[in-house]
Amino acid sequence: MEIYQKLINKDAKLSLVGLGYVGLPIALEFAKHISVIGFDISPERIAMMKKKQDPSEELPAEAFDNCDITFTSDPEVLKEASFHIIAVPTPIDDHNMPDLSPLISASKTVGKILKKGDYVVYESTVYPGATEEDCIPVLEEYSGLKFPVDFKVGYSPERINPGDKVHTLQTVTKIVSGCDKESLDNIAKTYELVVKAGVHRAPTMKVAEAAKVIENTQRDVNIALMNELSIIFSRMGINTFDVLEAAGTKWNFLKFYPGLVGGHCIGVDPYYLAYKAKEYRYHPQIINSGRFVNDSMGFYIAKQLVKKMIDKGKKILNSKVLVMGVTFKENVSDLRNSKVVDLINELKSYGVMVDVTDPFASSKEVKKEYGFELVDDISDDYNAVVVAVSHDNYLNLDENYFKSITTKNAVLVDVKGLYRNKINDLTYWSL
């Protein structure tokens, strides 16, 4: 009997290794149809999930209802499963090089409990070839089994978008791939249980890996162009968002916007592709140029603010600036690779006293990740305010609010152009 049939008959279980913002929603959705084991290396996170709490603060308690799932941090429990999905982070290191250590560690964990006939599917974003070159050898080494005779492997890249309630696991087409025709069929039918939009069967695992990594690389390059244009238009005294609004009236104009490009996808994935390209003796110029522009924007915004403050006669040393928003994108609590931190650190390098506030972020997590805390009370003597993240909480703020928390001749930096054409008295600047 094929693995898919065993899963729907509940003669076999599916495991989800890594229960972060990607893994948990996948595990819970599968658990509405088949028996699931949810595994994470953090006992604290497992304890929260057993209480129907999502550590990533994305899912409500009701999402855990009517689910046939066992949460555990004990790798031995994974022996009960025959179909393993690995969804762990794939970050970059301090030198912007791919860090596959979480992926390799997860492969070791699964390899130790792997049985003949088992399936392993990777969801983590990697460069083309990583599944076959980096992961499968680990599975073979720790299992003592031979691929593809004893076990099957596939790759199905995640497309979870944090904070997005429209484009979800169920509504976005899922790319699937396998190591052979049999595995592709079983993997595709298994994912079709939970993805209403259907699946796209990629011809090889490398194609599926490449498709994922270029999704975010394409966005990164397009946003980099907008950021570069914003620098040019700023020198010309033109508002970039006004330009984009005008240009956007043409039917085929691509609507990308300038901003701080952080997070664990767009700000990371292009480095994976660039790294692999060098192995083939090609230095990717457009990809690297886009990364340079986007990685520089936090420093650029800070410098523009300092110039504006000097122009208004502000003394920079020990001046006070409030930064509103520190998460990597709007309406999420995720702090990973937030480029707002570059802006904050650059301001501090000028001797500026920076207060940071964010309705979604945890001060404890900010302290742990970046070494500073959020302020509980916003004062009324800021020389400048930077609205760095377009949280819903900030959308309806008006000029009177900003005037109430600032000194005379204060500067308002509006990174995302939320208050365009609404500020009259304060010195206003946006990308």
Protein backbone atom coordinates (compact mmCIF):
# COMPACT_ATOMS: atom_id res chain seq x y z
CA MET A 1 0.00 0.00 0.00
CA GLU A 2 1.38 3.43 -0.96
CA ILE A 3 2.27 5.93 1.78
CA TYR A 4 -0.53 8.32 0.83
CA GLN A 5 -3.18 5.64 1.37
CA LYS A 6 -1.62 4.67 4.71
CA LEU A 7 -1.79 8.29 5.84
CA ILE A 8 -5.46 8.80 5.00
CA ASN A 9 -6.32 5.41 6.57
CA LYS A 10 -4.34 6.53 9.65
CA ASP A 11 -2.17 3.44 9.35
CA ALA A 12 0.80 5.82 9.19
CA LYS A 13 1.56 9.18 10.76
CA LEU A 14 3.03 12.41 9.40
CA SER A 15 5.60 14.37 11.39
CA LEU A 16 6.35 18.06 11.12
CA VAL A 17 9.87 18.93 12.26
CA GLY A 18 10.14 22.61 13.18
CA LEU A 19 7.01 24.34 14.43
CA GLY A 20 7.70 27.96 13.63
CA TYR A 21 5.60 30.34 11.55
CA VAL A 22 5.83 27.84 8.64
CA GLY A 23 5.67 24.47 10.34
CA LEU A 24 2.86 24.96 12.85
CA PRO A 25 0.09 25.99 10.42
CA ILE A 26 1.05 23.11 8.11
CA ALA A 27 0.99 20.63 11.00
CA LEU A 28 -2.40 21.80 12.23
CA GLU A 29 -3.94 21.72 8.76
CA PHE A 30 -2.73 18.18 8.13
CA ALA A 31 -3.97 17.18 11.60
CA LYS A 32 -7.53 17.92 10.49
CA HIS A 33 -7.22 15.03 8.00
CA ILE A 34 -4.54 12.60 9.23
CA SER A 35 -2.53 11.75 12.38
CA VAL A 36 0.33 14.19 12.97
CA ILE A 37 3.33 14.46 15.28
CA GLY A 38 4.50 18.04 15.78
CA PHE A 39 8.16 18.20 16.80
CA ASP A 40 10.21 21.18 17.95
CA ILE A 41 13.52 21.29 19.82
CA SER A 42 12.16 23.91 22.26
CA PRO A 43 10.27 22.40 25.23
CA GLU A 44 8.98 25.89 26.04
CA ARG A 45 7.39 26.26 22.62
CA ILE A 46 5.91 22.75 22.84
CA ALA A 47 4.38 23.60 26.23
CA MET A 48 2.71 26.67 24.70
CA MET A 49 1.31 24.69 21.78
CA LYS A 50 -0.12 22.07 24.10
CA LYS A 51 -2.08 24.97 25.62
CA LYS A 52 -3.28 26.03 22.15
CA GLN A 53 -0.91 28.99 22.02
CA ASP A 54 1.05 29.86 18.89
CA PRO A 55 4.52 31.12 19.92
CA SER A 56 4.66 33.13 16.67
CA GLU A 57 1.35 34.81 17.59
CA GLU A 58 -0.06 34.12 14.12
CA LEU A 59 -2.77 31.54 14.87
CA PRO A 60 -5.74 31.81 17.26
CA ALA A 61 -6.53 29.10 19.81
CA GLU A 62 -9.36 27.81 17.60
CA ALA A 63 -6.81 26.74 14.99
CA PHE A 64 -5.81 23.90 17.33
CA ASP A 65 -9.38 22.54 17.60
CA ASN A 66 -10.32 19.17 16.09
CA CYS A 67 -6.72 18.30 15.31
CA ASP A 68 -5.24 14.81 15.61
CA ILE A 69 -1.80 16.01 16.68
CA THR A 70 0.78 15.14 19.32
CA PHE A 71 3.25 17.89 20.25
CA THR A 72 6.66 16.76 21.46
CA SER A 73 10.30 17.77 21.87
CA ASP A 74 11.36 14.12 22.20
CA PRO A 75 12.91 12.93 18.91
CA GLU A 76 12.17 9.30 19.80
CA VAL A 77 8.46 9.96 19.23
CA LEU A 78 9.26 10.65 15.57
CA LYS A 79 9.77 6.89 15.11
CA GLU A 80 5.97 6.59 15.02
CA ALA A 81 5.82 8.63 11.80
CA SER A 82 6.54 7.47 8.25
CA PHE A 83 6.17 10.76 6.34
CA HIS A 84 8.41 13.55 7.67
CA ILE A 85 8.22 17.22 6.69
CA ILE A 86 11.18 19.38 7.70
CA ALA A 87 10.41 23.10 8.01
CA VAL A 88 13.29 24.69 9.92
CA PRO A 89 14.86 28.13 9.35
CA THR A 90 17.65 28.62 6.81
CA PRO A 91 19.30 31.89 7.87
CA ILE A 92 22.53 33.59 6.80
CA ASP A 93 25.55 34.17 9.03
CA ASP A 94 27.30 37.45 9.86
CA HIS A 95 29.08 37.32 6.51
CA ASN A 96 25.86 36.82 4.51
CA MET A 97 26.74 33.18 3.84
CA PRO A 98 24.09 30.42 3.97
CA ASP A 99 23.79 28.82 7.40
CA LEU A 100 22.50 25.28 6.88
CA SER A 101 23.17 24.18 10.46
CA PRO A 102 19.46 24.06 11.49
CA LEU A 103 18.68 22.06 8.33
CA ILE A 104 21.56 19.64 8.85
CA SER A 105 20.65 19.23 12.53
CA ALA A 106 17.04 18.43 11.60
CA SER A 107 18.27 15.95 8.97
CA LYS A 108 20.36 14.20 11.62
CA THR A 109 17.36 14.00 13.95
CA VAL A 110 15.17 12.46 11.26
CA GLY A 111 17.99 10.25 9.98
CA LYS A 112 18.36 8.61 13.39
CA ILE A 113 14.74 7.40 13.36
CA LEU A 114 14.30 6.81 9.63
CA LYS A 115 12.81 3.44 8.58
CA LYS A 116 12.64 1.62 5.27
CA GLY A 117 9.77 2.98 3.20
CA ASP A 118 9.73 6.38 4.91
CA TYR A 119 9.39 9.71 3.12
CA VAL A 120 11.22 12.96 3.94
CA VAL A 121 10.05 16.25 2.42
CA TYR A 122 11.97 19.51 2.89
CA GLU A 123 10.19 22.89 2.98
CA SER A 124 13.08 25.14 4.04
CA THR A 125 14.30 27.66 1.44
CA VAL A 126 17.68 26.60 0.04
CA TYR A 127 19.82 27.00 -3.07
CA PRO A 128 19.23 24.56 -5.95
CA GLY A 129 20.85 21.22 -5.17
CA ALA A 130 20.91 21.51 -1.38
CA THR A 131 18.41 18.69 -0.78
CA GLU A 132 20.42 16.19 -2.81
CA GLU A 133 23.92 17.46 -2.03
CA ASP A 134 23.64 18.49 1.63
CA CYS A 135 20.60 16.79 3.18
CA ILE A 136 20.26 13.31 1.66
CA PRO A 137 23.86 12.29 2.55
CA VAL A 138 23.08 13.16 6.20
CA LEU A 139 19.91 11.07 6.11
CA GLU A 140 21.88 8.14 4.70
CA GLU A 141 24.70 8.49 7.22
CA TYR A 142 22.51 8.61 10.31
CA SER A 143 19.94 6.04 9.17
CA GLY A 144 22.28 3.48 7.62
CA LEU A 145 19.75 3.30 4.77
CA LYS A 146 20.32 3.77 1.06
CA PHE A 147 18.58 6.48 -0.97
CA PRO A 148 16.38 6.11 -3.00
CA VAL A 149 15.98 2.36 -2.53
CA ASP A 150 15.16 2.41 1.20
CA PHE A 151 13.54 5.84 1.55
CA LYS A 152 12.15 8.62 -0.66
CA VAL A 153 12.83 12.36 -0.54
CA GLY A 154 10.99 15.36 -1.92
CA TYR A 155 11.08 19.15 -1.80
CA SER A 156 8.04 21.42 -1.45
CA PRO A 157 8.95 25.04 -0.70
CA GLU A 158 6.92 26.95 1.87
CA ARG A 159 4.88 29.93 0.76
CA ILE A 160 3.61 31.10 4.16
CA ASN A 161 3.41 34.90 4.38
CA PRO A 162 3.42 36.11 8.03
CA GLY A 163 0.47 38.35 8.89
CA ASP A 164 -1.33 37.56 5.61
CA LYS A 165 -4.85 36.22 6.17
CA VAL A 166 -5.65 36.05 2.44
CA HIS A 167 -2.71 34.18 0.94
CA THR A 168 -2.62 31.14 3.21
CA LEU A 169 -1.51 27.51 2.98
CA GLN A 170 -4.92 26.53 1.61
CA THR A 171 -5.25 29.31 -0.98
CA VAL A 172 -1.79 29.40 -2.59
CA THR A 173 -0.69 26.80 -5.15
CA LYS A 174 1.93 24.49 -3.62
CA ILE A 175 5.01 23.48 -5.58
CA VAL A 176 5.86 19.80 -5.00
CA SER A 177 8.68 17.60 -6.24
CA GLY A 178 10.01 14.12 -5.62
CA CYS A 179 13.05 11.98 -6.30
CA ASP A 180 11.12 9.80 -8.76
CA LYS A 181 7.66 9.41 -10.30
CA GLU A 182 6.29 7.35 -7.39
CA SER A 183 7.44 9.79 -4.72
CA LEU A 184 6.16 12.80 -6.68
CA ASP A 185 2.72 11.22 -6.93
CA ASN A 186 2.54 10.38 -3.23
CA ILE A 187 3.85 13.76 -2.12
CA ALA A 188 1.49 15.63 -4.45
CA LYS A 189 -1.58 13.69 -3.28
CA THR A 190 -0.58 14.19 0.37
CA TYR A 191 -0.32 17.97 0.00
CA GLU A 192 -3.57 18.06 -1.95
CA LEU A 193 -5.26 17.05 1.30
CA VAL A 194 -4.62 20.53 2.71
CA VAL A 195 -4.00 22.87 -0.24
CA LYS A 196 -7.34 23.79 -1.82
CA ALA A 197 -5.61 25.79 -4.56
CA GLY A 198 -3.91 22.61 -5.76
CA VAL A 199 -0.29 21.70 -6.41
CA HIS A 200 2.22 22.27 -9.18
CA ARG A 201 4.32 19.18 -9.89
CA ALA A 202 7.86 20.34 -10.60
CA PRO A 203 9.93 17.96 -12.75
CA THR A 204 12.86 17.81 -10.31
CA MET A 205 13.75 18.84 -6.78
CA LYS A 206 16.31 21.32 -8.12
CA VAL A 207 13.62 23.05 -10.17
CA ALA A 208 11.41 23.35 -7.07
CA GLU A 209 14.33 24.71 -5.02
CA ALA A 210 15.20 27.24 -7.74
CA ALA A 211 11.57 28.33 -8.13
CA LYS A 212 11.38 29.18 -4.44
CA VAL A 213 14.65 31.04 -4.18
CA ILE A 214 13.91 33.27 -7.20
CA GLU A 215 10.47 34.28 -5.87
CA ASN A 216 12.06 36.42 -3.19
CA THR A 217 15.10 37.33 -5.29
CA GLN A 218 12.78 38.86 -7.89
CA ARG A 219 11.00 40.93 -5.23
CA ASP A 220 14.31 41.97 -3.70
CA VAL A 221 15.68 43.29 -6.99
CA ASN A 222 12.46 45.15 -7.78
CA ILE A 223 12.33 46.78 -4.35
CA ALA A 224 16.02 47.70 -4.68
CA LEU A 225 15.17 49.57 -7.89
CA MET A 226 12.46 51.50 -6.03
CA ASN A 227 14.89 52.29 -3.20
CA GLU A 228 17.49 53.53 -5.67
CA LEU A 229 14.87 55.66 -7.41
CA SER A 230 13.84 57.10 -4.03
CA ILE A 231 17.42 58.23 -3.41
CA ILE A 232 17.54 59.90 -6.82
CA PHE A 233 14.12 61.53 -6.49
CA SER A 234 14.92 62.76 -2.99
CA ARG A 235 17.86 64.73 -4.41
CA MET A 236 15.52 66.17 -7.04
CA GLY A 237 12.95 67.18 -4.45
CA ILE A 238 10.35 64.76 -5.83
CA ASN A 239 8.21 62.49 -3.64
CA THR A 240 8.74 58.88 -4.74
CA PHE A 241 5.24 57.76 -3.76
CA ASP A 242 3.76 60.55 -5.92
CA VAL A 243 5.84 59.28 -8.83
CA LEU A 244 4.77 55.66 -8.28
CA GLU A 245 1.12 56.68 -8.01
CA ALA A 246 1.36 58.43 -11.38
CA ALA A 247 3.34 55.66 -13.08
CA GLY A 248 0.97 53.04 -11.65
CA THR A 249 -1.84 54.26 -13.90
CA LYS A 250 -0.23 52.31 -16.78
CA TRP A 251 -1.64 48.79 -17.04
CA ASN A 252 1.71 46.96 -17.08
CA PHE A 253 3.59 48.99 -14.46
CA LEU A 254 4.80 46.73 -11.64
CA LYS A 255 3.73 48.16 -8.29
CA PHE A 256 6.70 47.82 -5.98
CA TYR A 257 7.53 50.38 -3.28
CA PRO A 258 10.68 51.55 -1.48
CA GLY A 259 11.31 50.54 2.11
CA LEU A 260 13.37 48.57 4.60
CA VAL A 261 13.81 45.01 3.33
CA GLY A 262 14.34 42.68 6.28
CA GLY A 263 12.86 39.46 7.55
CA HIS A 264 13.88 35.87 6.92
CA CYS A 265 12.88 35.62 3.24
CA ILE A 266 13.46 38.58 0.92
CA GLY A 267 16.47 39.79 2.89
CA VAL A 268 18.04 36.31 3.03
CA ASP A 269 17.12 34.11 0.06
CA PRO A 270 19.04 36.07 -2.62
CA TYR A 271 22.26 35.36 -0.72
CA TYR A 272 21.61 31.62 -1.10
CA LEU A 273 21.33 31.91 -4.88
CA ALA A 274 24.35 34.22 -5.13
CA TYR A 275 26.40 31.79 -3.03
CA LYS A 276 25.55 28.84 -5.28
CA ALA A 277 26.13 30.85 -8.45
CA LYS A 278 29.77 31.39 -7.48
CA GLU A 279 30.27 27.62 -7.38
CA TYR A 280 29.50 27.72 -11.10
CA ARG A 281 32.01 30.55 -11.59
CA TYR A 282 29.43 33.27 -12.08
CA HIS A 283 29.36 36.45 -10.02
CA PRO A 284 25.70 37.61 -9.96
CA GLN A 285 25.84 41.36 -10.44
CA ILE A 286 22.16 42.34 -10.38
CA ILE A 287 21.33 40.16 -7.37
CA ASN A 288 24.30 41.46 -5.37
CA SER A 289 23.64 45.07 -6.38
CA GLY A 290 20.04 44.76 -5.22
CA ARG A 291 21.17 43.31 -1.91
CA PHE A 292 23.66 46.15 -1.44
CA VAL A 293 21.04 48.82 -2.04
CA ASN A 294 18.45 47.24 0.25
CA ASP A 295 20.93 46.46 3.02
CA SER A 296 22.05 50.11 2.98
CA MET A 297 18.64 51.73 3.39
CA GLY A 298 18.55 51.81 7.19
CA PHE A 299 21.81 53.74 7.27
CA TYR A 300 20.63 56.02 4.46
CA ILE A 301 17.38 56.94 6.25
CA ALA A 302 19.26 57.68 9.49
CA LYS A 303 21.68 59.99 7.69
CA GLN A 304 18.87 61.84 5.95
CA LEU A 305 17.16 62.38 9.30
CA VAL A 306 20.34 63.76 10.86
CA LYS A 307 20.73 66.18 7.93
CA LYS A 308 17.14 67.37 8.32
CA MET A 309 17.65 67.91 12.05
CA ILE A 310 20.82 69.91 11.47
CA ASP A 311 18.96 71.99 8.87
CA LYS A 312 16.32 72.80 11.52
CA GLY A 313 19.00 73.91 13.96
CA LYS A 314 18.84 70.82 16.16
CA LYS A 315 21.85 69.81 18.21
CA ILE A 316 22.48 66.17 17.27
CA LEU A 317 24.44 65.00 20.32
CA ASN A 318 21.94 63.80 22.98
CA SER A 319 18.96 64.80 20.85
CA LYS A 320 15.90 62.57 21.28
CA VAL A 321 14.33 60.53 18.48
CA LEU A 322 11.37 58.18 18.68
CA VAL A 323 11.34 55.21 16.30
CA MET A 324 7.88 53.71 15.84
CA GLY A 325 7.98 50.08 14.74
CA VAL A 326 10.83 47.57 14.98
CA THR A 327 9.42 44.32 13.54
CA PHE A 328 10.52 43.36 10.04
CA LYS A 329 7.07 44.06 8.53
CA GLU A 330 3.68 45.44 9.48
CA ASN A 331 1.27 43.73 11.91
CA VAL A 332 3.56 40.86 12.93
CA SER A 333 5.69 40.23 16.02
CA ASP A 334 8.62 38.76 14.07
CA LEU A 335 11.90 40.59 14.71
CA ARG A 336 14.28 38.46 12.66
CA ASN A 337 16.63 40.44 10.42
CA SER A 338 14.77 43.70 11.02
CA LYS A 339 16.47 46.50 9.11
CA VAL A 340 14.92 49.07 11.43
CA VAL A 341 17.73 48.09 13.79
CA ASP A 342 20.30 49.38 11.27
CA LEU A 343 18.53 52.73 11.34
CA ILE A 344 18.49 52.77 15.15
CA ASN A 345 22.17 51.85 15.47
CA GLU A 346 23.18 54.44 12.90
CA LEU A 347 21.34 57.17 14.83
CA LYS A 348 23.04 56.06 18.05
CA SER A 349 26.43 56.33 16.33
CA TYR A 350 25.74 60.09 15.98
CA GLY A 351 25.11 60.35 19.73
CA VAL A 352 21.33 60.43 19.35
CA MET A 353 19.19 59.12 22.22
CA VAL A 354 16.73 56.72 20.59
CA ASP A 355 13.46 55.48 22.09
CA VAL A 356 11.76 52.60 20.31
CA THR A 357 8.11 51.55 20.52
CA ASP A 358 6.13 48.81 18.78
CA PRO A 359 2.63 47.48 19.60
CA PHE A 360 3.42 44.04 18.19
CA ALA A 361 6.96 43.41 19.46
CA SER A 362 7.99 41.95 22.81
CA SER A 363 10.44 44.14 24.71
CA LYS A 364 12.00 40.98 26.16
CA GLU A 365 12.57 39.53 22.69
CA VAL A 366 13.95 42.85 21.38
CA LYS A 367 16.41 42.94 24.28
CA LYS A 368 17.44 39.33 23.63
CA GLU A 369 17.84 39.81 19.88
CA TYR A 370 19.26 43.35 19.63
CA GLY A 371 20.33 44.49 23.09
CA PHE A 372 17.87 47.32 23.72
CA GLU A 373 14.37 47.54 25.20
CA LEU A 374 11.15 49.15 24.08
CA VAL A 375 9.82 52.18 25.97
CA ASP A 376 6.55 51.90 27.87
CA ASP A 377 5.85 55.63 27.97
CA ILE A 378 6.22 58.00 25.05
CA SER A 379 7.40 61.43 26.16
CA ASP A 380 6.61 64.85 24.64
CA ASP A 381 10.09 66.15 23.91
CA TYR A 382 11.30 64.28 20.82
CA ASN A 383 13.30 66.26 18.29
CA ALA A 384 12.25 63.81 15.57
CA VAL A 385 9.99 60.82 14.98
CA VAL A 386 10.58 57.98 12.55
CA VAL A 387 7.54 55.87 11.59
CA ALA A 388 9.48 52.86 10.33
CA VAL A 389 6.80 50.14 10.08
CA SER A 390 3.28 50.62 8.73
CA HIS A 391 1.40 48.87 11.54
CA ASP A 392 -2.38 49.32 11.42
CA ASN A 393 -2.08 51.10 14.79
CA TYR A 394 -0.24 53.95 13.06
CA LEU A 395 -2.42 54.43 9.98
CA ASN A 396 -4.87 56.91 11.51
CA LEU A 397 -2.39 59.05 13.43
CA ASP A 398 -2.50 62.73 12.45
CA GLU A 399 -0.17 65.70 12.63
CA ASN A 400 -1.63 66.84 15.94
CA TYR A 401 -0.50 63.57 17.51
CA PHE A 402 3.07 63.98 16.27
CA LYS A 403 3.11 67.63 17.37
CA SER A 404 2.00 66.53 20.84
CA ILE A 405 5.08 64.34 21.32
CA THR A 406 7.70 66.59 19.70
CA THR A 407 9.52 69.85 20.29
CA LYS A 408 9.38 72.93 18.08
CA ASN A 409 10.72 72.48 14.53
CA ALA A 410 10.64 68.71 14.84
CA VAL A 411 11.23 66.32 11.92
CA LEU A 412 8.90 63.50 10.91
CA VAL A 413 10.37 60.68 8.81
CA ASP A 414 7.63 58.58 7.22
CA VAL A 415 9.40 55.56 5.71
CA LYS A 416 6.32 54.10 4.00
CA GLY A 417 4.65 57.36 3.00
CA LEU A 418 1.64 56.86 5.30
CA TYR A 419 1.12 60.57 5.94
CA ARG A 420 1.91 61.94 2.50
CA ASN A 421 0.12 65.26 1.86
CA LYS A 422 -1.19 65.29 5.46
CA ILE A 423 1.68 67.08 7.25
CA ASN A 424 1.84 70.88 7.12
CA ASP A 425 3.76 72.21 10.13
CA LEU A 426 6.38 69.55 10.88
CA THR A 427 9.36 69.03 8.61
CA TYR A 428 8.31 65.96 6.64
CA TRP A 429 10.42 63.47 4.69
CA SER A 430 9.75 60.03 3.26
CA LEU A 431 11.47 57.66 0.86
